[in-house]
Amino acid sequence: MPAVEAWLLGGPADGRITHIEVDDDGSLPTAIVLPQSGAYLGAREHPSQPVQHRYLGCASEVDPPTFRYDGPLPQDQ
């Protein structure tokens, strides 16, 4: 599947560029969900489960395309 580079602003991926897959007609998705887990300090045997974070595409014509942080998704989604 073809991909383009897009900015991620806000949230855990702030200021990063990542590849976003496009549809068959070359359209970007309106939202992307990224599972991310942060580093942690402690004496736990296993790390926490990743949290799903949503980024929404900005409507403006920016190159590269930009997605803004919308917040974490509830754990049951």
PDB file of N, CA and C in Angstrom:
ATOM      1  N   MET A   1       0.850  -1.172   0.000  1.00  0.00           N
ATOM      2  CA  MET A   1       0.000   0.000   0.000  1.00  0.00           C
ATOM      3  C   MET A   1       0.898   1.239   0.000  1.00  0.00           C
ATOM      4  N   PRO A   2       0.648   2.190  -0.883  1.00  0.00           N
ATOM      5  CA  PRO A   2       1.447   3.423  -0.909  1.00  0.00           C
ATOM      6  C   PRO A   2       1.278   4.225   0.374  1.00  0.00           C
ATOM      7  N   ALA A   3       2.279   5.013   0.701  1.00  0.00           N
ATOM      8  CA  ALA A   3       2.238   5.830   1.909  1.00  0.00           C
ATOM      9  C   ALA A   3       2.856   7.191   1.625  1.00  0.00           C
ATOM     10  N   VAL A   4       2.494   8.155   2.444  1.00  0.00           N
ATOM     11  CA  VAL A   4       3.100   9.487   2.385  1.00  0.00           C
ATOM     12  C   VAL A   4       3.627   9.817   3.769  1.00  0.00           C
ATOM     13  N   GLU A   5       4.532  10.788   3.847  1.00  0.00           N
ATOM     14  CA  GLU A   5       5.017  11.239   5.148  1.00  0.00           C
ATOM     15  C   GLU A   5       4.064  12.292   5.684  1.00  0.00           C
ATOM     16  N   ALA A   6       3.790  12.226   6.985  1.00  0.00           N
ATOM     17  CA  ALA A   6       2.893  13.185   7.624  1.00  0.00           C
ATOM     18  C   ALA A   6       3.447  13.567   8.988  1.00  0.00           C
ATOM     19  N   TRP A   7       3.209  14.842   9.392  1.00  0.00           N
ATOM     20  CA  TRP A   7       3.583  15.326  10.721  1.00  0.00           C
ATOM     21  C   TRP A   7       2.565  14.865  11.737  1.00  0.00           C
ATOM     22  N   LEU A   8       3.039  14.526  12.936  1.00  0.00           N
ATOM     23  CA  LEU A   8       2.166  14.251  14.074  1.00  0.00           C
ATOM     24  C   LEU A   8       2.433  15.338  15.102  1.00  0.00           C
ATOM     25  N   LEU A   9       1.402  16.111  15.456  1.00  0.00           N
ATOM     26  CA  LEU A   9       1.557  17.214  16.409  1.00  0.00           C
ATOM     27  C   LEU A   9       0.775  16.943  17.684  1.00  0.00           C
ATOM     28  N   GLY A  10       1.427  17.147  18.811  1.00  0.00           N
ATOM     29  CA  GLY A  10       0.802  16.923  20.112  1.00  0.00           C
ATOM     30  C   GLY A  10       0.892  15.458  20.515  1.00  0.00           C
ATOM     31  N   GLY A  11       0.578  15.189  21.771  1.00  0.00           N
ATOM     32  CA  GLY A  11       0.559  13.820  22.261  1.00  0.00           C
ATOM     33  C   GLY A  11       1.938  13.176  22.312  1.00  0.00           C
ATOM     34  N   PRO A  12       1.978  11.854  22.445  1.00  0.00           N
ATOM     35  CA  PRO A  12       3.246  11.145  22.596  1.00  0.00           C
ATOM     36  C   PRO A  12       4.161  11.212  21.376  1.00  0.00           C
ATOM     37  N   ALA A  13       3.608  11.473  20.197  1.00  0.00           N
ATOM     38  CA  ALA A  13       4.436  11.487  18.981  1.00  0.00           C
ATOM     39  C   ALA A  13       4.700  12.905  18.495  1.00  0.00           C
ATOM     40  N   ASP A  14       4.631  13.894  19.348  1.00  0.00           N
ATOM     41  CA  ASP A  14       4.733  15.301  18.967  1.00  0.00           C
ATOM     42  C   ASP A  14       5.992  15.589  18.155  1.00  0.00           C
ATOM     43  N   GLY A  15       5.778  16.262  17.019  1.00  0.00           N
ATOM     44  CA  GLY A  15       6.888  16.713  16.197  1.00  0.00           C
ATOM     45  C   GLY A  15       7.555  15.654  15.345  1.00  0.00           C
ATOM     46  N   ARG A  16       6.971  14.482  15.251  1.00  0.00           N
ATOM     47  CA  ARG A  16       7.591  13.413  14.460  1.00  0.00           C
ATOM     48  C   ARG A  16       6.942  13.308  13.092  1.00  0.00           C
ATOM     49  N   ILE A  17       7.696  12.802  12.156  1.00  0.00           N
ATOM     50  CA  ILE A  17       7.173  12.470  10.830  1.00  0.00           C
ATOM     51  C   ILE A  17       7.087  10.950  10.757  1.00  0.00           C
ATOM     52  N   THR A  18       5.962  10.454  10.242  1.00  0.00           N
ATOM     53  CA  THR A  18       5.794   9.015  10.085  1.00  0.00           C
ATOM     54  C   THR A  18       5.100   8.735   8.766  1.00  0.00           C
ATOM     55  N   HIS A  19       5.182   7.512   8.316  1.00  0.00           N
ATOM     56  CA  HIS A  19       4.509   7.107   7.079  1.00  0.00           C
ATOM     57  C   HIS A  19       3.056   6.762   7.389  1.00  0.00           C
ATOM     58  N   ILE A  20       2.151   7.316   6.593  1.00  0.00           N
ATOM     59  CA  ILE A  20       0.719   7.048   6.729  1.00  0.00           C
ATOM     60  C   ILE A  20       0.252   6.420   5.416  1.00  0.00           C
ATOM     61  N   GLU A  21      -0.409   5.273   5.508  1.00  0.00           N
ATOM     62  CA  GLU A  21      -0.910   4.618   4.304  1.00  0.00           C
ATOM     63  C   GLU A  21      -2.070   5.409   3.718  1.00  0.00           C
ATOM     64  N   VAL A  22      -2.138   5.460   2.395  1.00  0.00           N
ATOM     65  CA  VAL A  22      -3.221   6.147   1.699  1.00  0.00           C
ATOM     66  C   VAL A  22      -4.157   5.111   1.077  1.00  0.00           C
ATOM     67  N   ASP A  23      -5.406   5.562   0.760  1.00  0.00           N
ATOM     68  CA  ASP A  23      -6.374   4.690   0.107  1.00  0.00           C
ATOM     69  C   ASP A  23      -5.949   4.417  -1.330  1.00  0.00           C
ATOM     70  N   ASP A  24      -6.705   3.570  -2.003  1.00  0.00           N
ATOM     71  CA  ASP A  24      -6.413   3.243  -3.406  1.00  0.00           C
ATOM     72  C   ASP A  24      -6.427   4.474  -4.301  1.00  0.00           C
ATOM     73  N   ASP A  25      -7.244   5.490  -3.941  1.00  0.00           N
ATOM     74  CA  ASP A  25      -7.302   6.715  -4.744  1.00  0.00           C
ATOM     75  C   ASP A  25      -6.306   7.774  -4.279  1.00  0.00           C
ATOM     76  N   GLY A  26      -5.449   7.431  -3.318  1.00  0.00           N
ATOM     77  CA  GLY A  26      -4.416   8.358  -2.841  1.00  0.00           C
ATOM     78  C   GLY A  26      -4.852   9.259  -1.712  1.00  0.00           C
ATOM     79  N   SER A  27      -6.045   9.028  -1.146  1.00  0.00           N
ATOM     80  CA  SER A  27      -6.550   9.866  -0.057  1.00  0.00           C
ATOM     81  C   SER A  27      -5.994   9.418   1.287  1.00  0.00           C
ATOM     82  N   LEU A  28      -5.689  10.403   2.124  1.00  0.00           N
ATOM     83  CA  LEU A  28      -5.255  10.110   3.492  1.00  0.00           C
ATOM     84  C   LEU A  28      -6.460   9.759   4.356  1.00  0.00           C
ATOM     85  N   PRO A  29      -6.278   8.979   5.413  1.00  0.00           N
ATOM     86  CA  PRO A  29      -7.379   8.721   6.339  1.00  0.00           C
ATOM     87  C   PRO A  29      -7.718   9.990   7.115  1.00  0.00           C
ATOM     88  N   THR A  30      -8.948  10.091   7.634  1.00  0.00           N
ATOM     89  CA  THR A  30      -9.331  11.250   8.432  1.00  0.00           C
ATOM     90  C   THR A  30      -8.749  11.167   9.836  1.00  0.00           C
ATOM     91  N   ALA A  31      -8.459   9.951  10.293  1.00  0.00           N
ATOM     92  CA  ALA A  31      -7.872   9.755  11.621  1.00  0.00           C
ATOM     93  C   ALA A  31      -6.973   8.531  11.574  1.00  0.00           C
ATOM     94  N   ILE A  32      -5.946   8.538  12.425  1.00  0.00           N
ATOM     95  CA  ILE A  32      -5.086   7.368  12.586  1.00  0.00           C
ATOM     96  C   ILE A  32      -5.010   7.045  14.066  1.00  0.00           C
ATOM     97  N   VAL A  33      -4.827   5.773  14.377  1.00  0.00           N
ATOM     98  CA  VAL A  33      -4.704   5.327  15.761  1.00  0.00           C
ATOM     99  C   VAL A  33      -3.358   4.642  15.902  1.00  0.00           C
ATOM    100  N   LEU A  34      -2.574   5.120  16.857  1.00  0.00           N
ATOM    101  CA  LEU A  34      -1.240   4.564  17.078  1.00  0.00           C
ATOM    102  C   LEU A  34      -1.161   3.954  18.471  1.00  0.00           C
ATOM    103  N   PRO A  35      -0.818   2.670  18.571  1.00  0.00           N
ATOM    104  CA  PRO A  35      -0.583   2.095  19.903  1.00  0.00           C
ATOM    105  C   PRO A  35       0.803   2.511  20.371  1.00  0.00           C
ATOM    106  N   GLN A  36       0.875   3.126  21.537  1.00  0.00           N
ATOM    107  CA  GLN A  36       2.162   3.573  22.055  1.00  0.00           C
ATOM    108  C   GLN A  36       2.262   3.260  23.541  1.00  0.00           C
ATOM    109  N   SER A  37       3.431   2.836  23.942  1.00  0.00           N
ATOM    110  CA  SER A  37       3.688   2.637  25.362  1.00  0.00           C
ATOM    111  C   SER A  37       4.962   3.384  25.700  1.00  0.00           C
ATOM    112  N   GLY A  38       4.953   4.047  26.826  1.00  0.00           N
ATOM    113  CA  GLY A  38       6.115   4.829  27.222  1.00  0.00           C
ATOM    114  C   GLY A  38       7.070   4.021  28.064  1.00  0.00           C
ATOM    115  N   ALA A  39       8.230   4.590  28.266  1.00  0.00           N
ATOM    116  CA  ALA A  39       9.193   3.967  29.162  1.00  0.00           C
ATOM    117  C   ALA A  39       8.686   4.105  30.597  1.00  0.00           C
ATOM    118  N   TYR A  40       9.084   3.225  31.432  1.00  0.00           N
ATOM    119  CA  TYR A  40       8.669   3.307  32.816  1.00  0.00           C
ATOM    120  C   TYR A  40       9.831   2.908  33.709  1.00  0.00           C
ATOM    121  N   LEU A  41       9.774   3.384  34.929  1.00  0.00           N
ATOM    122  CA  LEU A  41      10.756   2.996  35.937  1.00  0.00           C
ATOM    123  C   LEU A  41      10.012   2.256  37.035  1.00  0.00           C
ATOM    124  N   GLY A  42      10.576   1.213  37.505  1.00  0.00           N
ATOM    125  CA  GLY A  42       9.938   0.475  38.583  1.00  0.00           C
ATOM    126  C   GLY A  42      10.374  -0.971  38.575  1.00  0.00           C
ATOM    127  N   ALA A  43       9.901  -1.678  39.545  1.00  0.00           N
ATOM    128  CA  ALA A  43      10.291  -3.075  39.715  1.00  0.00           C
ATOM    129  C   ALA A  43       9.151  -4.003  39.311  1.00  0.00           C
ATOM    130  N   ARG A  44       8.498  -3.693  38.188  1.00  0.00           N
ATOM    131  CA  ARG A  44       7.420  -4.552  37.725  1.00  0.00           C
ATOM    132  C   ARG A  44       7.984  -5.619  36.808  1.00  0.00           C
ATOM    133  N   GLU A  45       7.308  -6.751  36.801  1.00  0.00           N
ATOM    134  CA  GLU A  45       7.778  -7.863  35.983  1.00  0.00           C
ATOM    135  C   GLU A  45       7.503  -7.657  34.500  1.00  0.00           C
ATOM    136  N   HIS A  46       6.377  -6.992  34.155  1.00  0.00           N
ATOM    137  CA  HIS A  46       5.994  -6.778  32.763  1.00  0.00           C
ATOM    138  C   HIS A  46       5.608  -5.317  32.561  1.00  0.00           C
ATOM    139  N   PRO A  47       5.881  -4.772  31.383  1.00  0.00           N
ATOM    140  CA  PRO A  47       5.458  -3.389  31.109  1.00  0.00           C
ATOM    141  C   PRO A  47       3.940  -3.296  30.969  1.00  0.00           C
ATOM    142  N   SER A  48       3.414  -2.093  31.098  1.00  0.00           N
ATOM    143  CA  SER A  48       1.986  -1.862  30.918  1.00  0.00           C
ATOM    144  C   SER A  48       1.591  -2.119  29.472  1.00  0.00           C
ATOM    145  N   GLN A  49       0.293  -2.360  29.266  1.00  0.00           N
ATOM    146  CA  GLN A  49      -0.226  -2.535  27.915  1.00  0.00           C
ATOM    147  C   GLN A  49      -0.123  -1.223  27.147  1.00  0.00           C
ATOM    148  N   PRO A  50       0.105  -1.283  25.835  1.00  0.00           N
ATOM    149  CA  PRO A  50       0.134  -0.045  25.045  1.00  0.00           C
ATOM    150  C   PRO A  50      -1.224   0.651  25.080  1.00  0.00           C
ATOM    151  N   VAL A  51      -1.207   1.965  24.966  1.00  0.00           N
ATOM    152  CA  VAL A  51      -2.435   2.767  24.932  1.00  0.00           C
ATOM    153  C   VAL A  51      -2.625   3.227  23.493  1.00  0.00           C
ATOM    154  N   GLN A  52      -3.862   3.141  23.005  1.00  0.00           N
ATOM    155  CA  GLN A  52      -4.183   3.597  21.657  1.00  0.00           C
ATOM    156  C   GLN A  52      -4.383   5.114  21.692  1.00  0.00           C
ATOM    157  N   HIS A  53      -3.673   5.841  20.824  1.00  0.00           N
ATOM    158  CA  HIS A  53      -3.786   7.297  20.740  1.00  0.00           C
ATOM    159  C   HIS A  53      -4.304   7.671  19.362  1.00  0.00           C
ATOM    160  N   ARG A  54      -5.271   8.620  19.311  1.00  0.00           N
ATOM    161  CA  ARG A  54      -5.865   9.024  18.033  1.00  0.00           C
ATOM    162  C   ARG A  54      -5.330  10.386  17.602  1.00  0.00           C
ATOM    163  N   TYR A  55      -5.004  10.483  16.309  1.00  0.00           N
ATOM    164  CA  TYR A  55      -4.581  11.732  15.673  1.00  0.00           C
ATOM    165  C   TYR A  55      -5.543  12.007  14.523  1.00  0.00           C
ATOM    166  N   LEU A  56      -6.079  13.237  14.458  1.00  0.00           N
ATOM    167  CA  LEU A  56      -7.025  13.630  13.423  1.00  0.00           C
ATOM    168  C   LEU A  56      -6.330  14.460  12.363  1.00  0.00           C
ATOM    169  N   GLY A  57      -6.654  14.188  11.102  1.00  0.00           N
ATOM    170  CA  GLY A  57      -6.071  14.939   9.998  1.00  0.00           C
ATOM    171  C   GLY A  57      -6.553  16.374   9.984  1.00  0.00           C
ATOM    172  N   CYS A  58      -5.642  17.308   9.723  1.00  0.00           N
ATOM    173  CA  CYS A  58      -5.999  18.726   9.592  1.00  0.00           C
ATOM    174  C   CYS A  58      -6.536  18.955   8.180  1.00  0.00           C
ATOM    175  N   ALA A  59      -7.526  19.824   8.064  1.00  0.00           N
ATOM    176  CA  ALA A  59      -8.184  20.070   6.781  1.00  0.00           C
ATOM    177  C   ALA A  59      -7.345  20.935   5.844  1.00  0.00           C
ATOM    178  N   SER A  60      -6.376  21.647   6.373  1.00  0.00           N
ATOM    179  CA  SER A  60      -5.605  22.571   5.527  1.00  0.00           C
ATOM    180  C   SER A  60      -4.679  21.816   4.584  1.00  0.00           C
ATOM    181  N   GLU A  61      -4.344  22.474   3.485  1.00  0.00           N
ATOM    182  CA  GLU A  61      -3.424  21.911   2.495  1.00  0.00           C
ATOM    183  C   GLU A  61      -1.989  22.204   2.933  1.00  0.00           C
ATOM    184  N   VAL A  62      -1.428  21.346   3.738  1.00  0.00           N
ATOM    185  CA  VAL A  62      -0.072  21.517   4.259  1.00  0.00           C
ATOM    186  C   VAL A  62       0.785  20.383   3.703  1.00  0.00           C
ATOM    187  N   ASP A  63       2.019  20.703   3.402  1.00  0.00           N
ATOM    188  CA  ASP A  63       2.923  19.680   2.904  1.00  0.00           C
ATOM    189  C   ASP A  63       4.137  19.613   3.828  1.00  0.00           C
ATOM    190  N   PRO A  64       4.391  18.553   4.548  1.00  0.00           N
ATOM    191  CA  PRO A  64       3.619  17.325   4.511  1.00  0.00           C
ATOM    192  C   PRO A  64       2.289  17.470   5.255  1.00  0.00           C
ATOM    193  N   PRO A  65       1.320  16.546   4.999  1.00  0.00           N
ATOM    194  CA  PRO A  65       0.049  16.578   5.714  1.00  0.00           C
ATOM    195  C   PRO A  65       0.280  16.524   7.215  1.00  0.00           C
ATOM    196  N   THR A  66      -0.654  17.093   7.984  1.00  0.00           N
ATOM    197  CA  THR A  66      -0.497  17.178   9.433  1.00  0.00           C
ATOM    198  C   THR A  66      -1.673  16.515  10.140  1.00  0.00           C
ATOM    199  N   PHE A  67      -1.362  15.760  11.175  1.00  0.00           N
ATOM    200  CA  PHE A  67      -2.371  15.141  12.036  1.00  0.00           C
ATOM    201  C   PHE A  67      -2.166  15.678  13.447  1.00  0.00           C
ATOM    202  N   ARG A  68      -3.250  16.161  14.072  1.00  0.00           N
ATOM    203  CA  ARG A  68      -3.187  16.704  15.432  1.00  0.00           C
ATOM    204  C   ARG A  68      -3.733  15.704  16.438  1.00  0.00           C
ATOM    205  N   TYR A  69      -3.105  15.686  17.598  1.00  0.00           N
ATOM    206  CA  TYR A  69      -3.460  14.748  18.669  1.00  0.00           C
ATOM    207  C   TYR A  69      -4.882  15.001  19.167  1.00  0.00           C
ATOM    208  N   ASP A  70      -5.668  13.921  19.288  1.00  0.00           N
ATOM    209  CA  ASP A  70      -7.047  13.990  19.763  1.00  0.00           C
ATOM    210  C   ASP A  70      -7.214  13.337  21.134  1.00  0.00           C
ATOM    211  N   GLY A  71      -6.199  12.660  21.619  1.00  0.00           N
ATOM    212  CA  GLY A  71      -6.255  12.054  22.945  1.00  0.00           C
ATOM    213  C   GLY A  71      -6.231  10.541  22.895  1.00  0.00           C
ATOM    214  N   PRO A  72      -6.078   9.932  24.060  1.00  0.00           N
ATOM    215  CA  PRO A  72      -6.070   8.466  24.120  1.00  0.00           C
ATOM    216  C   PRO A  72      -7.490   7.927  23.947  1.00  0.00           C
ATOM    217  N   LEU A  73      -7.585   6.731  23.383  1.00  0.00           N
ATOM    218  CA  LEU A  73      -8.877   6.072  23.264  1.00  0.00           C
ATOM    219  C   LEU A  73      -9.152   5.292  24.542  1.00  0.00           C
ATOM    220  N   PRO A  74     -10.418   5.128  24.912  1.00  0.00           N
ATOM    221  CA  PRO A  74     -10.730   4.267  26.071  1.00  0.00           C
ATOM    222  C   PRO A  74     -10.149   2.870  25.855  1.00  0.00           C
ATOM    223  N   GLN A  75      -9.753   2.243  26.916  1.00  0.00           N
ATOM    224  CA  GLN A  75      -9.078   0.942  26.826  1.00  0.00           C
ATOM    225  C   GLN A  75      -9.935  -0.141  26.169  1.00  0.00           C
ATOM    226  N   ASP A  76     -11.259  -0.011  26.180  1.00  0.00           N
ATOM    227  CA  ASP A  76     -12.119  -1.059  25.624  1.00  0.00           C
ATOM    228  C   ASP A  76     -12.371  -0.902  24.126  1.00  0.00           C
ATOM    229  N   GLN A  77     -11.762   0.093  23.443  1.00  0.00           N
ATOM    230  CA  GLN A  77     -11.979   0.261  22.005  1.00  0.00           C
ATOM    231  C   GLN A  77     -10.850  -0.341  21.217  1.00  0.00           C
TER     232      GLN A  77
END
